[in-house]
Amino acid sequence: MEPLLKEAIRLRKERE
């Protein structure tokens, strides 16, 4: 998986 994609998912989880 791309690093950008992984970071985006992590940010979304933290925002929830």
Protein backbone atom coordinates (compact mmCIF):
# COMPACT_ATOMS: atom_id res chain seq x y z
CA MET A 1 0.00 0.00 0.00
CA GLU A 2 1.16 3.51 -0.71
CA PRO A 3 2.41 5.57 2.25
CA LEU A 4 0.09 8.43 1.36
CA LEU A 5 -2.92 6.14 1.37
CA LYS A 6 -1.92 4.62 4.71
CA GLU A 7 -1.50 8.06 6.26
CA ALA A 8 -4.83 9.26 4.88
CA ILE A 9 -6.65 6.31 6.45
CA ARG A 10 -4.85 6.92 9.74
CA LEU A 11 -5.88 10.57 9.75
CA ARG A 12 -9.50 9.62 9.01
CA LYS A 13 -9.54 7.13 11.89
CA GLU A 14 -8.11 9.75 14.25
CA ARG A 15 -10.71 12.32 13.15
CA GLU A 16 -13.64 10.00 13.82
